Amino acid sequence: MTFHKAIAALLVTAALAGCQSQTEGQQRATTGALIGGAGGALVGQAIGGNTKSTVIGAASGALLGAVVGSATTPQRRGEEMCRYQDRYGRVYTAPCDDRYYNGNY
């Protein structure tokens, strides 16, 4: 019965997490944590067969899923700043142009 409560709690958490407005990185970390937690709970239950193993698996999977989800968030174009030098030798920073993204710099 405890396993069913854990699954129910996970589903409620997933439903509530979808109600927030988050940035893309936060959404990916949340999704990774939910998927990792569910997978970890299943693996923990399959390996240990008891509540302690299920909880440890869920926590480990959620942590790993959040890290992977946040690390794989793609960078948006225009967030990087590049250093430029004008014809008078002055150095300035500005958003990178298309040559930076295409590798033609």
PDB file of N, CA and C in Angstrom:
ATOM      1  N   MET A   1       0.807  -1.187   0.000  1.00  0.00           N
ATOM      2  CA  MET A   1       0.000   0.000   0.000  1.00  0.00           C
ATOM      3  C   MET A   1       0.860   1.264   0.000  1.00  0.00           C
ATOM      4  N   THR A   2       2.025   1.212   0.619  1.00  0.00           N
ATOM      5  CA  THR A   2       2.911   2.361   0.669  1.00  0.00           C
ATOM      6  C   THR A   2       3.402   2.733  -0.722  1.00  0.00           C
ATOM      7  N   PHE A   3       3.634   1.725  -1.556  1.00  0.00           N
ATOM      8  CA  PHE A   3       4.095   1.978  -2.912  1.00  0.00           C
ATOM      9  C   PHE A   3       3.037   2.757  -3.692  1.00  0.00           C
ATOM     10  N   HIS A   4       1.781   2.426  -3.492  1.00  0.00           N
ATOM     11  CA  HIS A   4       0.693   3.129  -4.182  1.00  0.00           C
ATOM     12  C   HIS A   4       0.592   4.578  -3.699  1.00  0.00           C
ATOM     13  N   LYS A   5       0.844   4.807  -2.413  1.00  0.00           N
ATOM     14  CA  LYS A   5       0.836   6.172  -1.895  1.00  0.00           C
ATOM     15  C   LYS A   5       1.973   6.985  -2.495  1.00  0.00           C
ATOM     16  N   ALA A   6       3.131   6.350  -2.667  1.00  0.00           N
ATOM     17  CA  ALA A   6       4.271   7.040  -3.268  1.00  0.00           C
ATOM     18  C   ALA A   6       3.976   7.425  -4.712  1.00  0.00           C
ATOM     19  N   ILE A   7       3.356   6.528  -5.452  1.00  0.00           N
ATOM     20  CA  ILE A   7       2.992   6.830  -6.840  1.00  0.00           C
ATOM     21  C   ILE A   7       1.953   7.945  -6.880  1.00  0.00           C
ATOM     22  N   ALA A   8       0.984   7.919  -5.994  1.00  0.00           N
ATOM     23  CA  ALA A   8      -0.040   8.969  -5.942  1.00  0.00           C
ATOM     24  C   ALA A   8       0.590  10.316  -5.614  1.00  0.00           C
ATOM     25  N   ALA A   9       1.522  10.332  -4.665  1.00  0.00           N
ATOM     26  CA  ALA A   9       2.202  11.576  -4.307  1.00  0.00           C
ATOM     27  C   ALA A   9       3.006  12.113  -5.480  1.00  0.00           C
ATOM     28  N   LEU A  10       3.631  11.227  -6.229  1.00  0.00           N
ATOM     29  CA  LEU A  10       4.408  11.637  -7.400  1.00  0.00           C
ATOM     30  C   LEU A  10       3.505  12.252  -8.468  1.00  0.00           C
ATOM     31  N   LEU A  11       2.346  11.662  -8.687  1.00  0.00           N
ATOM     32  CA  LEU A  11       1.408  12.191  -9.678  1.00  0.00           C
ATOM     33  C   LEU A  11       0.854  13.548  -9.260  1.00  0.00           C
ATOM     34  N   VAL A  12       0.566  13.730  -7.982  1.00  0.00           N
ATOM     35  CA  VAL A  12       0.078  15.022  -7.494  1.00  0.00           C
ATOM     36  C   VAL A  12       1.175  16.077  -7.642  1.00  0.00           C
ATOM     37  N   THR A  13       2.402  15.713  -7.339  1.00  0.00           N
ATOM     38  CA  THR A  13       3.525  16.636  -7.495  1.00  0.00           C
ATOM     39  C   THR A  13       3.686  17.047  -8.948  1.00  0.00           C
ATOM     40  N   ALA A  14       3.574  16.096  -9.850  1.00  0.00           N
ATOM     41  CA  ALA A  14       3.696  16.399 -11.284  1.00  0.00           C
ATOM     42  C   ALA A  14       2.587  17.340 -11.728  1.00  0.00           C
ATOM     43  N   ALA A  15       1.380  17.116 -11.245  1.00  0.00           N
ATOM     44  CA  ALA A  15       0.260  17.982 -11.622  1.00  0.00           C
ATOM     45  C   ALA A  15       0.458  19.400 -11.096  1.00  0.00           C
ATOM     46  N   LEU A  16       0.920  19.535  -9.863  1.00  0.00           N
ATOM     47  CA  LEU A  16       1.136  20.862  -9.296  1.00  0.00           C
ATOM     48  C   LEU A  16       2.322  21.567  -9.931  1.00  0.00           C
ATOM     49  N   ALA A  17       3.343  20.828 -10.315  1.00  0.00           N
ATOM     50  CA  ALA A  17       4.517  21.447 -10.942  1.00  0.00           C
ATOM     51  C   ALA A  17       4.157  22.053 -12.287  1.00  0.00           C
ATOM     52  N   GLY A  18       3.175  21.495 -12.950  1.00  0.00           N
ATOM     53  CA  GLY A  18       2.758  22.036 -14.240  1.00  0.00           C
ATOM     54  C   GLY A  18       1.990  23.335 -14.125  1.00  0.00           C
ATOM     55  N   CYS A  19       1.585  23.733 -12.943  1.00  0.00           N
ATOM     56  CA  CYS A  19       0.796  24.946 -12.755  1.00  0.00           C
ATOM     57  C   CYS A  19       1.648  26.201 -12.600  1.00  0.00           C
ATOM     58  N   GLN A  20       2.915  26.063 -12.444  1.00  0.00           N
ATOM     59  CA  GLN A  20       3.773  27.214 -12.224  1.00  0.00           C
ATOM     60  C   GLN A  20       4.292  27.753 -13.549  1.00  0.00           C
ATOM     61  N   SER A  21       4.582  29.047 -13.578  1.00  0.00           N
ATOM     62  CA  SER A  21       5.256  29.600 -14.748  1.00  0.00           C
ATOM     63  C   SER A  21       6.740  29.635 -14.432  1.00  0.00           C
ATOM     64  N   GLN A  22       7.506  28.954 -15.251  1.00  0.00           N
ATOM     65  CA  GLN A  22       8.931  28.807 -15.009  1.00  0.00           C
ATOM     66  C   GLN A  22       9.700  29.126 -16.278  1.00  0.00           C
ATOM     67  N   THR A  23      10.987  29.352 -16.111  1.00  0.00           N
ATOM     68  CA  THR A  23      11.837  29.501 -17.280  1.00  0.00           C
ATOM     69  C   THR A  23      12.076  28.122 -17.877  1.00  0.00           C
ATOM     70  N   GLU A  24      12.653  28.106 -19.066  1.00  0.00           N
ATOM     71  CA  GLU A  24      12.881  26.823 -19.728  1.00  0.00           C
ATOM     72  C   GLU A  24      13.827  25.934 -18.924  1.00  0.00           C
ATOM     73  N   GLY A  25      14.854  26.528 -18.335  1.00  0.00           N
ATOM     74  CA  GLY A  25      15.791  25.744 -17.537  1.00  0.00           C
ATOM     75  C   GLY A  25      15.146  25.136 -16.312  1.00  0.00           C
ATOM     76  N   GLN A  26      14.265  25.905 -15.664  1.00  0.00           N
ATOM     77  CA  GLN A  26      13.563  25.386 -14.495  1.00  0.00           C
ATOM     78  C   GLN A  26      12.583  24.289 -14.896  1.00  0.00           C
ATOM     79  N   GLN A  27      11.931  24.452 -16.033  1.00  0.00           N
ATOM     80  CA  GLN A  27      10.999  23.427 -16.490  1.00  0.00           C
ATOM     81  C   GLN A  27      11.724  22.133 -16.793  1.00  0.00           C
ATOM     82  N   ARG A  28      12.892  22.236 -17.434  1.00  0.00           N
ATOM     83  CA  ARG A  28      13.648  21.029 -17.756  1.00  0.00           C
ATOM     84  C   ARG A  28      14.157  20.346 -16.493  1.00  0.00           C
ATOM     85  N   ALA A  29      14.583  21.133 -15.503  1.00  0.00           N
ATOM     86  CA  ALA A  29      15.046  20.550 -14.247  1.00  0.00           C
ATOM     87  C   ALA A  29      13.900  19.878 -13.502  1.00  0.00           C
ATOM     88  N   THR A  30      12.724  20.519 -13.505  1.00  0.00           N
ATOM     89  CA  THR A  30      11.554  19.938 -12.835  1.00  0.00           C
ATOM     90  C   THR A  30      11.120  18.650 -13.519  1.00  0.00           C
ATOM     91  N   THR A  31      11.061  18.687 -14.843  1.00  0.00           N
ATOM     92  CA  THR A  31      10.674  17.491 -15.588  1.00  0.00           C
ATOM     93  C   THR A  31      11.681  16.371 -15.372  1.00  0.00           C
ATOM     94  N   GLY A  32      12.964  16.716 -15.398  1.00  0.00           N
ATOM     95  CA  GLY A  32      13.996  15.708 -15.147  1.00  0.00           C
ATOM     96  C   GLY A  32      13.884  15.105 -13.761  1.00  0.00           C
ATOM     97  N   ALA A  33      13.576  15.954 -12.771  1.00  0.00           N
ATOM     98  CA  ALA A  33      13.427  15.458 -11.402  1.00  0.00           C
ATOM     99  C   ALA A  33      12.228  14.525 -11.281  1.00  0.00           C
ATOM    100  N   LEU A  34      11.131  14.876 -11.930  1.00  0.00           N
ATOM    101  CA  LEU A  34       9.939  14.027 -11.861  1.00  0.00           C
ATOM    102  C   LEU A  34      10.162  12.690 -12.551  1.00  0.00           C
ATOM    103  N   ILE A  35      10.736  12.736 -13.739  1.00  0.00           N
ATOM    104  CA  ILE A  35      10.984  11.489 -14.466  1.00  0.00           C
ATOM    105  C   ILE A  35      12.035  10.650 -13.740  1.00  0.00           C
ATOM    106  N   GLY A  36      13.091  11.298 -13.275  1.00  0.00           N
ATOM    107  CA  GLY A  36      14.129  10.580 -12.535  1.00  0.00           C
ATOM    108  C   GLY A  36      13.616   9.998 -11.236  1.00  0.00           C
ATOM    109  N   GLY A  37      12.768  10.750 -10.543  1.00  0.00           N
ATOM    110  CA  GLY A  37      12.191  10.250  -9.293  1.00  0.00           C
ATOM    111  C   GLY A  37      11.308   9.039  -9.514  1.00  0.00           C
ATOM    112  N   ALA A  38      10.493   9.087 -10.560  1.00  0.00           N
ATOM    113  CA  ALA A  38       9.621   7.948 -10.861  1.00  0.00           C
ATOM    114  C   ALA A  38      10.448   6.729 -11.257  1.00  0.00           C
ATOM    115  N   GLY A  39      11.427   6.947 -12.120  1.00  0.00           N
ATOM    116  CA  GLY A  39      12.287   5.831 -12.528  1.00  0.00           C
ATOM    117  C   GLY A  39      13.089   5.274 -11.369  1.00  0.00           C
ATOM    118  N   GLY A  40      13.616   6.170 -10.537  1.00  0.00           N
ATOM    119  CA  GLY A  40      14.378   5.732  -9.379  1.00  0.00           C
ATOM    120  C   GLY A  40      13.538   4.953  -8.385  1.00  0.00           C
ATOM    121  N   ALA A  41      12.283   5.378  -8.214  1.00  0.00           N
ATOM    122  CA  ALA A  41      11.380   4.653  -7.306  1.00  0.00           C
ATOM    123  C   ALA A  41      11.108   3.245  -7.824  1.00  0.00           C
ATOM    124  N   LEU A  42      10.877   3.138  -9.125  1.00  0.00           N
ATOM    125  CA  LEU A  42      10.641   1.813  -9.707  1.00  0.00           C
ATOM    126  C   LEU A  42      11.865   0.913  -9.595  1.00  0.00           C
ATOM    127  N   VAL A  43      13.034   1.457  -9.871  1.00  0.00           N
ATOM    128  CA  VAL A  43      14.264   0.665  -9.765  1.00  0.00           C
ATOM    129  C   VAL A  43      14.535   0.289  -8.316  1.00  0.00           C
ATOM    130  N   GLY A  44      14.349   1.247  -7.402  1.00  0.00           N
ATOM    131  CA  GLY A  44      14.554   0.948  -5.982  1.00  0.00           C
ATOM    132  C   GLY A  44      13.628  -0.130  -5.476  1.00  0.00           C
ATOM    133  N   GLN A  45      12.364  -0.083  -5.910  1.00  0.00           N
ATOM    134  CA  GLN A  45      11.405  -1.109  -5.507  1.00  0.00           C
ATOM    135  C   GLN A  45      11.778  -2.456  -6.105  1.00  0.00           C
ATOM    136  N   ALA A  46      12.206  -2.458  -7.360  1.00  0.00           N
ATOM    137  CA  ALA A  46      12.567  -3.718  -8.016  1.00  0.00           C
ATOM    138  C   ALA A  46      13.814  -4.349  -7.388  1.00  0.00           C
ATOM    139  N   ILE A  47      14.770  -3.520  -6.996  1.00  0.00           N
ATOM    140  CA  ILE A  47      16.016  -4.063  -6.428  1.00  0.00           C
ATOM    141  C   ILE A  47      15.837  -4.444  -4.963  1.00  0.00           C
ATOM    142  N   GLY A  48      15.304  -3.509  -4.168  1.00  0.00           N
ATOM    143  CA  GLY A  48      15.218  -3.749  -2.730  1.00  0.00           C
ATOM    144  C   GLY A  48      13.937  -4.411  -2.273  1.00  0.00           C
ATOM    145  N   GLY A  49      12.842  -4.097  -2.922  1.00  0.00           N
ATOM    146  CA  GLY A  49      11.572  -4.687  -2.557  1.00  0.00           C
ATOM    147  C   GLY A  49      10.980  -4.161  -1.260  1.00  0.00           C
ATOM    148  N   ASN A  50      11.484  -3.034  -0.755  1.00  0.00           N
ATOM    149  CA  ASN A  50      10.910  -2.473   0.473  1.00  0.00           C
ATOM    150  C   ASN A  50      10.805  -0.958   0.333  1.00  0.00           C
ATOM    151  N   THR A  51      10.180  -0.328   1.309  1.00  0.00           N
ATOM    152  CA  THR A  51       9.919   1.111   1.246  1.00  0.00           C
ATOM    153  C   THR A  51      11.209   1.922   1.270  1.00  0.00           C
ATOM    154  N   LYS A  52      12.169   1.504   2.079  1.00  0.00           N
ATOM    155  CA  LYS A  52      13.425   2.244   2.191  1.00  0.00           C
ATOM    156  C   LYS A  52      14.138   2.293   0.847  1.00  0.00           C
ATOM    157  N   SER A  53      14.189   1.184   0.146  1.00  0.00           N
ATOM    158  CA  SER A  53      14.832   1.153  -1.171  1.00  0.00           C
ATOM    159  C   SER A  53      14.084   2.021  -2.170  1.00  0.00           C
ATOM    160  N   THR A  54      12.767   2.028  -2.077  1.00  0.00           N
ATOM    161  CA  THR A  54      11.964   2.844  -2.991  1.00  0.00           C
ATOM    162  C   THR A  54      12.223   4.330  -2.766  1.00  0.00           C
ATOM    163  N   VAL A  55      12.275   4.734  -1.509  1.00  0.00           N
ATOM    164  CA  VAL A  55      12.513   6.147  -1.191  1.00  0.00           C
ATOM    165  C   VAL A  55      13.923   6.564  -1.600  1.00  0.00           C
ATOM    166  N   ILE A  56      14.912   5.731  -1.329  1.00  0.00           N
ATOM    167  CA  ILE A  56      16.286   6.048  -1.716  1.00  0.00           C
ATOM    168  C   ILE A  56      16.399   6.131  -3.238  1.00  0.00           C
ATOM    169  N   GLY A  57      15.775   5.212  -3.933  1.00  0.00           N
ATOM    170  CA  GLY A  57      15.792   5.241  -5.397  1.00  0.00           C
ATOM    171  C   GLY A  57      15.112   6.471  -5.953  1.00  0.00           C
ATOM    172  N   ALA A  58      13.976   6.851  -5.365  1.00  0.00           N
ATOM    173  CA  ALA A  58      13.253   8.036  -5.829  1.00  0.00           C
ATOM    174  C   ALA A  58      14.063   9.303  -5.600  1.00  0.00           C
ATOM    175  N   ALA A  59      14.678   9.417  -4.430  1.00  0.00           N
ATOM    176  CA  ALA A  59      15.478  10.611  -4.132  1.00  0.00           C
ATOM    177  C   ALA A  59      16.701  10.693  -5.044  1.00  0.00           C
ATOM    178  N   SER A  60      17.374   9.575  -5.231  1.00  0.00           N
ATOM    179  CA  SER A  60      18.551   9.567  -6.094  1.00  0.00           C
ATOM    180  C   SER A  60      18.176   9.876  -7.536  1.00  0.00           C
ATOM    181  N   GLY A  61      17.092   9.279  -8.011  1.00  0.00           N
ATOM    182  CA  GLY A  61      16.644   9.527  -9.380  1.00  0.00           C
ATOM    183  C   GLY A  61      16.205  10.963  -9.589  1.00  0.00           C
ATOM    184  N   ALA A  62      15.533  11.541  -8.602  1.00  0.00           N
ATOM    185  CA  ALA A  62      15.094  12.934  -8.717  1.00  0.00           C
ATOM    186  C   ALA A  62      16.277  13.879  -8.767  1.00  0.00           C
ATOM    187  N   LEU A  63      17.265  13.635  -7.933  1.00  0.00           N
ATOM    188  CA  LEU A  63      18.460  14.477  -7.930  1.00  0.00           C
ATOM    189  C   LEU A  63      19.192  14.377  -9.258  1.00  0.00           C
ATOM    190  N   LEU A  64      19.425  13.164  -9.710  1.00  0.00           N
ATOM    191  CA  LEU A  64      20.125  12.975 -10.973  1.00  0.00           C
ATOM    192  C   LEU A  64      19.322  13.554 -12.139  1.00  0.00           C
ATOM    193  N   GLY A  65      18.009  13.362 -12.140  1.00  0.00           N
ATOM    194  CA  GLY A  65      17.170  13.903 -13.203  1.00  0.00           C
ATOM    195  C   GLY A  65      17.180  15.420 -13.244  1.00  0.00           C
ATOM    196  N   ALA A  66      17.163  16.058 -12.076  1.00  0.00           N
ATOM    197  CA  ALA A  66      17.206  17.519 -12.033  1.00  0.00           C
ATOM    198  C   ALA A  66      18.531  18.052 -12.554  1.00  0.00           C
ATOM    199  N   VAL A  67      19.620  17.398 -12.187  1.00  0.00           N
ATOM    200  CA  VAL A  67      20.943  17.831 -12.650  1.00  0.00           C
ATOM    201  C   VAL A  67      21.049  17.683 -14.164  1.00  0.00           C
ATOM    202  N   VAL A  68      20.634  16.541 -14.675  1.00  0.00           N
ATOM    203  CA  VAL A  68      20.714  16.310 -16.113  1.00  0.00           C
ATOM    204  C   VAL A  68      19.777  17.263 -16.865  1.00  0.00           C
ATOM    205  N   GLY A  69      18.566  17.461 -16.349  1.00  0.00           N
ATOM    206  CA  GLY A  69      17.624  18.367 -16.997  1.00  0.00           C
ATOM    207  C   GLY A  69      18.121  19.792 -17.062  1.00  0.00           C
ATOM    208  N   SER A  70      18.734  20.257 -16.000  1.00  0.00           N
ATOM    209  CA  SER A  70      19.239  21.621 -16.008  1.00  0.00           C
ATOM    210  C   SER A  70      20.513  21.753 -16.830  1.00  0.00           C
ATOM    211  N   ALA A  71      21.337  20.714 -16.858  1.00  0.00           N
ATOM    212  CA  ALA A  71      22.588  20.783 -17.632  1.00  0.00           C
ATOM    213  C   ALA A  71      22.350  20.696 -19.134  1.00  0.00           C
ATOM    214  N   THR A  72      21.242  20.111 -19.544  1.00  0.00           N
ATOM    215  CA  THR A  72      20.981  19.966 -20.973  1.00  0.00           C
ATOM    216  C   THR A  72      20.086  21.068 -21.521  1.00  0.00           C
ATOM    217  N   THR A  73      19.862  22.124 -20.755  1.00  0.00           N
ATOM    218  CA  THR A  73      19.060  23.241 -21.240  1.00  0.00           C
ATOM    219  C   THR A  73      19.852  23.978 -22.311  1.00  0.00           C
ATOM    220  N   PRO A  74      19.291  24.112 -23.510  1.00  0.00           N
ATOM    221  CA  PRO A  74      20.041  24.790 -24.571  1.00  0.00           C
ATOM    222  C   PRO A  74      20.178  26.283 -24.294  1.00  0.00           C
ATOM    223  N   GLN A  75      21.296  26.825 -24.698  1.00  0.00           N
ATOM    224  CA  GLN A  75      21.525  28.263 -24.581  1.00  0.00           C
ATOM    225  C   GLN A  75      20.717  28.985 -25.659  1.00  0.00           C
ATOM    226  N   ARG A  76      20.132  30.077 -25.299  1.00  0.00           N
ATOM    227  CA  ARG A  76      19.399  30.866 -26.287  1.00  0.00           C
ATOM    228  C   ARG A  76      20.360  31.761 -27.037  1.00  0.00           C
ATOM    229  N   ARG A  77      20.026  31.981 -28.272  1.00  0.00           N
ATOM    230  CA  ARG A  77      20.843  32.852 -29.090  1.00  0.00           C
ATOM    231  C   ARG A  77      20.753  34.274 -28.571  1.00  0.00           C
ATOM    232  N   GLY A  78      21.882  34.953 -28.512  1.00  0.00           N
ATOM    233  CA  GLY A  78      21.891  36.334 -28.074  1.00  0.00           C
ATOM    234  C   GLY A  78      22.244  36.516 -26.620  1.00  0.00           C
ATOM    235  N   GLU A  79      22.345  35.447 -25.867  1.00  0.00           N
ATOM    236  CA  GLU A  79      22.710  35.579 -24.460  1.00  0.00           C
ATOM    237  C   GLU A  79      24.214  35.759 -24.297  1.00  0.00           C
ATOM    238  N   GLU A  80      24.993  35.253 -25.253  1.00  0.00           N
ATOM    239  CA  GLU A  80      26.436  35.355 -25.151  1.00  0.00           C
ATOM    240  C   GLU A  80      26.881  36.760 -25.542  1.00  0.00           C
ATOM    241  N   MET A  81      27.865  37.240 -24.831  1.00  0.00           N
ATOM    242  CA  MET A  81      28.443  38.543 -25.152  1.00  0.00           C
ATOM    243  C   MET A  81      29.829  38.314 -25.736  1.00  0.00           C
ATOM    244  N   CYS A  82      30.153  39.039 -26.785  1.00  0.00           N
ATOM    245  CA  CYS A  82      31.455  38.928 -27.440  1.00  0.00           C
ATOM    246  C   CYS A  82      32.205  40.241 -27.291  1.00  0.00           C
ATOM    247  N   ARG A  83      33.516  40.133 -27.371  1.00  0.00           N
ATOM    248  CA  ARG A  83      34.368  41.330 -27.337  1.00  0.00           C
ATOM    249  C   ARG A  83      34.728  41.693 -28.759  1.00  0.00           C
ATOM    250  N   TYR A  84      34.596  42.968 -29.072  1.00  0.00           N
ATOM    251  CA  TYR A  84      34.924  43.478 -30.395  1.00  0.00           C
ATOM    252  C   TYR A  84      35.936  44.605 -30.264  1.00  0.00           C
ATOM    253  N   GLN A  85      36.646  44.875 -31.361  1.00  0.00           N
ATOM    254  CA  GLN A  85      37.587  45.983 -31.401  1.00  0.00           C
ATOM    255  C   GLN A  85      37.267  46.802 -32.643  1.00  0.00           C
ATOM    256  N   ASP A  86      37.058  48.101 -32.433  1.00  0.00           N
ATOM    257  CA  ASP A  86      36.745  48.938 -33.588  1.00  0.00           C
ATOM    258  C   ASP A  86      38.036  49.350 -34.294  1.00  0.00           C
ATOM    259  N   ARG A  87      37.903  50.087 -35.367  1.00  0.00           N
ATOM    260  CA  ARG A  87      39.087  50.420 -36.175  1.00  0.00           C
ATOM    261  C   ARG A  87      40.035  51.377 -35.476  1.00  0.00           C
ATOM    262  N   TYR A  88      39.614  51.992 -34.372  1.00  0.00           N
ATOM    263  CA  TYR A  88      40.476  52.880 -33.611  1.00  0.00           C
ATOM    264  C   TYR A  88      41.161  52.175 -32.454  1.00  0.00           C
ATOM    265  N   GLY A  89      40.914  50.883 -32.303  1.00  0.00           N
ATOM    266  CA  GLY A  89      41.558  50.106 -31.259  1.00  0.00           C
ATOM    267  C   GLY A  89      40.767  49.994 -29.971  1.00  0.00           C
ATOM    268  N   ARG A  90      39.606  50.620 -29.907  1.00  0.00           N
ATOM    269  CA  ARG A  90      38.799  50.547 -28.693  1.00  0.00           C
ATOM    270  C   ARG A  90      38.108  49.184 -28.629  1.00  0.00           C
ATOM    271  N   VAL A  91      38.138  48.570 -27.434  1.00  0.00           N
ATOM    272  CA  VAL A  91      37.516  47.266 -27.226  1.00  0.00           C
ATOM    273  C   VAL A  91      36.182  47.488 -26.517  1.00  0.00           C
ATOM    274  N   TYR A  92      35.156  46.795 -26.994  1.00  0.00           N
ATOM    275  CA  TYR A  92      33.829  46.896 -26.390  1.00  0.00           C
ATOM    276  C   TYR A  92      33.161  45.533 -26.429  1.00  0.00           C
ATOM    277  N   THR A  93      32.119  45.372 -25.617  1.00  0.00           N
ATOM    278  CA  THR A  93      31.354  44.130 -25.621  1.00  0.00           C
ATOM    279  C   THR A  93      29.963  44.411 -26.163  1.00  0.00           C
ATOM    280  N   ALA A  94      29.443  43.424 -26.867  1.00  0.00           N
ATOM    281  CA  ALA A  94      28.105  43.517 -27.445  1.00  0.00           C
ATOM    282  C   ALA A  94      27.604  42.101 -27.675  1.00  0.00           C
ATOM    283  N   PRO A  95      26.300  41.937 -27.881  1.00  0.00           N
ATOM    284  CA  PRO A  95      25.805  40.595 -28.190  1.00  0.00           C
ATOM    285  C   PRO A  95      26.495  40.043 -29.434  1.00  0.00           C
ATOM    286  N   CYS A  96      26.768  38.768 -29.414  1.00  0.00           N
ATOM    287  CA  CYS A  96      27.476  38.138 -30.525  1.00  0.00           C
ATOM    288  C   CYS A  96      26.609  38.153 -31.778  1.00  0.00           C
ATOM    289  N   ASP A  97      27.251  38.340 -32.930  1.00  0.00           N
ATOM    290  CA  ASP A  97      26.508  38.336 -34.184  1.00  0.00           C
ATOM    291  C   ASP A  97      26.490  36.928 -34.781  1.00  0.00           C
ATOM    292  N   ASP A  98      25.882  36.770 -35.934  1.00  0.00           N
ATOM    293  CA  ASP A  98      25.693  35.455 -36.541  1.00  0.00           C
ATOM    294  C   ASP A  98      27.003  34.755 -36.881  1.00  0.00           C
ATOM    295  N   ARG A  99      28.075  35.498 -37.108  1.00  0.00           N
ATOM    296  CA  ARG A  99      29.360  34.854 -37.409  1.00  0.00           C
ATOM    297  C   ARG A  99      29.813  33.977 -36.250  1.00  0.00           C
ATOM    298  N   TYR A 100      29.513  34.401 -35.019  1.00  0.00           N
ATOM    299  CA  TYR A 100      29.881  33.615 -33.834  1.00  0.00           C
ATOM    300  C   TYR A 100      29.159  32.284 -33.824  1.00  0.00           C
ATOM    301  N   TYR A 101      27.875  32.299 -34.139  1.00  0.00           N
ATOM    302  CA  TYR A 101      27.077  31.080 -34.088  1.00  0.00           C
ATOM    303  C   TYR A 101      27.383  30.140 -35.251  1.00  0.00           C
ATOM    304  N   ASN A 102      27.798  30.697 -36.373  1.00  0.00           N
ATOM    305  CA  ASN A 102      28.092  29.867 -37.546  1.00  0.00           C
ATOM    306  C   ASN A 102      29.524  29.371 -37.564  1.00  0.00           C
ATOM    307  N   GLY A 103      30.360  29.863 -36.683  1.00  0.00           N
ATOM    308  CA  GLY A 103      31.766  29.447 -36.631  1.00  0.00           C
ATOM    309  C   GLY A 103      32.644  30.212 -37.598  1.00  0.00           C
ATOM    310  N   ASN A 104      32.180  31.314 -38.137  1.00  0.00           N
ATOM    311  CA  ASN A 104      32.956  32.123 -39.088  1.00  0.00           C
ATOM    312  C   ASN A 104      33.518  33.380 -38.444  1.00  0.00           C
ATOM    313  N   TYR A 105      34.206  33.215 -37.352  1.00  0.00           N
ATOM    314  CA  TYR A 105      34.732  34.399 -36.669  1.00  0.00           C
ATOM    315  C   TYR A 105      36.226  34.438 -36.740  1.00  0.00           C
TER     316      TYR A 105
END
